[in-house]
Protein backbone atom coordinates (compact mmCIF):
# COMPACT_ATOMS: atom_id res chain seq x y z
CA MET A 1 -31.08 -7.25 -16.30
CA ASN A 2 -33.10 -7.64 -19.78
CA SER A 3 -34.49 -10.99 -20.87
CA SER A 4 -31.33 -11.98 -22.46
CA GLY A 5 -29.34 -11.92 -19.15
CA THR A 6 -27.41 -9.01 -19.71
CA MET A 7 -27.18 -5.83 -17.33
CA ARG A 8 -28.30 -2.67 -18.64
CA GLY A 9 -28.27 0.90 -17.40
CA PRO A 10 -28.08 1.34 -13.51
CA ALA A 11 -27.58 -2.50 -12.88
CA LEU A 12 -24.79 -2.21 -15.33
CA VAL A 13 -23.14 0.69 -13.60
CA ALA A 14 -23.63 -0.75 -10.10
CA GLY A 15 -21.88 -4.06 -11.01
CA LEU A 16 -18.89 -2.42 -12.51
CA SER A 17 -18.57 -0.23 -9.52
CA LEU A 18 -18.53 -3.30 -7.31
CA PHE A 19 -15.91 -5.06 -9.58
CA ALA A 20 -13.85 -1.75 -9.44
CA MET A 21 -14.07 -1.83 -5.71
CA ALA A 22 -12.81 -5.34 -5.27
CA VAL A 23 -9.81 -4.70 -7.74
CA LEU A 24 -8.94 -1.78 -5.92
CA GLU A 25 -9.08 -3.49 -2.26
CA ASN A 26 -6.57 -6.20 -3.66
CA LEU A 27 -4.34 -3.54 -4.93
CA VAL A 28 -4.14 -1.91 -1.76
CA THR A 29 -3.36 -5.35 0.21
CA PHE A 30 -0.52 -5.98 -2.23
CA PHE A 31 0.73 -2.36 -1.86
CA GLY A 32 0.66 -2.87 2.04
CA LEU A 33 2.44 -6.11 1.75
CA HIS A 34 5.12 -4.38 -0.65
CA LEU A 35 5.67 -1.45 1.92
CA LEU A 36 6.08 -3.95 4.57
CA LEU A 37 8.83 -5.62 2.64
CA LEU A 38 10.37 -2.27 1.71
CA GLY A 39 10.23 -1.51 5.46
CA TYR A 40 12.10 -4.36 6.21
CA LEU A 41 14.70 -3.86 3.82
CA ALA A 42 14.78 0.06 4.58
CA TYR A 43 15.53 -0.98 8.15
CA ARG A 44 18.92 -2.38 7.34
CA TRP A 45 19.97 1.39 6.44
CA ALA A 46 17.74 3.78 7.93
CA ARG A 47 16.07 2.47 11.12
CA VAL A 48 13.33 5.19 11.26
CA VAL A 49 12.74 4.94 7.69
CA GLY A 50 11.97 1.15 7.89
CA VAL A 51 9.72 1.21 10.85
CA LEU A 52 7.70 4.26 9.50
CA LEU A 53 7.19 2.14 6.15
CA GLY A 54 6.18 -0.89 8.26
CA ILE A 55 3.51 1.08 10.08
CA ALA A 56 2.49 2.28 6.43
CA GLY A 57 2.16 -1.18 5.17
CA LEU A 58 0.23 -2.34 8.46
CA GLY A 59 -1.93 0.86 8.02
CA TYR A 60 -2.79 -0.28 4.29
CA LEU A 61 -3.51 -3.85 5.26
CA VAL A 62 -5.74 -2.86 8.38
CA ASP A 63 -7.77 -0.67 5.65
CA SER A 64 -7.98 -3.14 3.02
CA PHE A 65 -8.98 -6.13 5.55
CA GLY A 66 -11.41 -3.64 7.53
CA ALA A 67 -13.19 -3.03 4.22
CA VAL A 68 -13.67 -6.61 3.70
CA LEU A 69 -15.15 -7.09 7.25
CA GLY A 70 -17.44 -4.18 6.31
CA HIS A 71 -15.74 -1.68 8.78
CA THR A 72 -13.62 1.35 7.37
CA PRO A 73 -11.10 1.94 10.19
CA ASP A 74 -9.32 4.65 7.84
CA ALA A 75 -5.78 3.95 9.14
CA ALA A 76 -4.38 4.96 5.90
CA VAL A 77 -4.65 8.58 6.96
CA PHE A 78 -1.32 8.00 8.92
CA THR A 79 0.57 6.09 6.27
CA PHE A 80 1.39 9.02 4.16
CA VAL A 81 4.19 9.70 6.94
CA GLY A 82 6.35 6.63 6.07
CA GLU A 83 6.16 7.27 2.35
CA VAL A 84 7.16 11.10 2.30
CA VAL A 85 10.03 10.40 4.79
CA LEU A 86 11.18 7.51 2.43
CA MET A 87 10.94 9.97 -0.59
CA LEU A 88 13.08 12.44 1.49
CA TRP A 89 15.59 10.09 2.61
CA LEU A 90 16.05 8.80 -1.06
CA LEU A 91 16.58 12.28 -1.97
CA VAL A 92 19.23 13.23 0.47
CA LYS A 93 20.75 9.82 1.62
CA GLY A 94 19.79 7.46 -1.06
CA ARG A 95 22.04 8.90 -3.90
CA ASN A 96 25.30 8.33 -1.90
CA ILE A 97 24.48 4.30 -1.46
CA THR A 98 27.02 2.53 -3.80
CA PRO A 99 27.28 -1.11 -4.11
CA SER A 100 30.30 -1.36 -1.90
CA SER A 101 28.41 0.15 1.09
CA MET A 102 25.53 -2.25 0.55
CA ALA A 103 28.01 -5.24 0.69
CA MET A 104 29.21 -3.57 4.08
CA ALA A 105 25.71 -3.39 5.49
CA ALA A 106 24.99 -6.93 4.87
């Protein structure tokens, strides 16, 4: 910091890096919650897809809270499986879902 209290040079870069990391951790947390909710909804139509999405959501939450606690468990290595299965399921079966089939599943 200089005499006017503003950051310059390496201090500015370090401060911006810490801010960006905090924002990304919050986004990962919300994405994990999103996958948990999506897994719950997908479980009604395809149980395997719903379970894998739930595991993916839990993996993202474990990663984000682990980073907050200072430990990086790297559980997100396995989370891509649920996301890829969802993508493939939507490409193959998702186009056949109609409003009437949704009403019958409820």
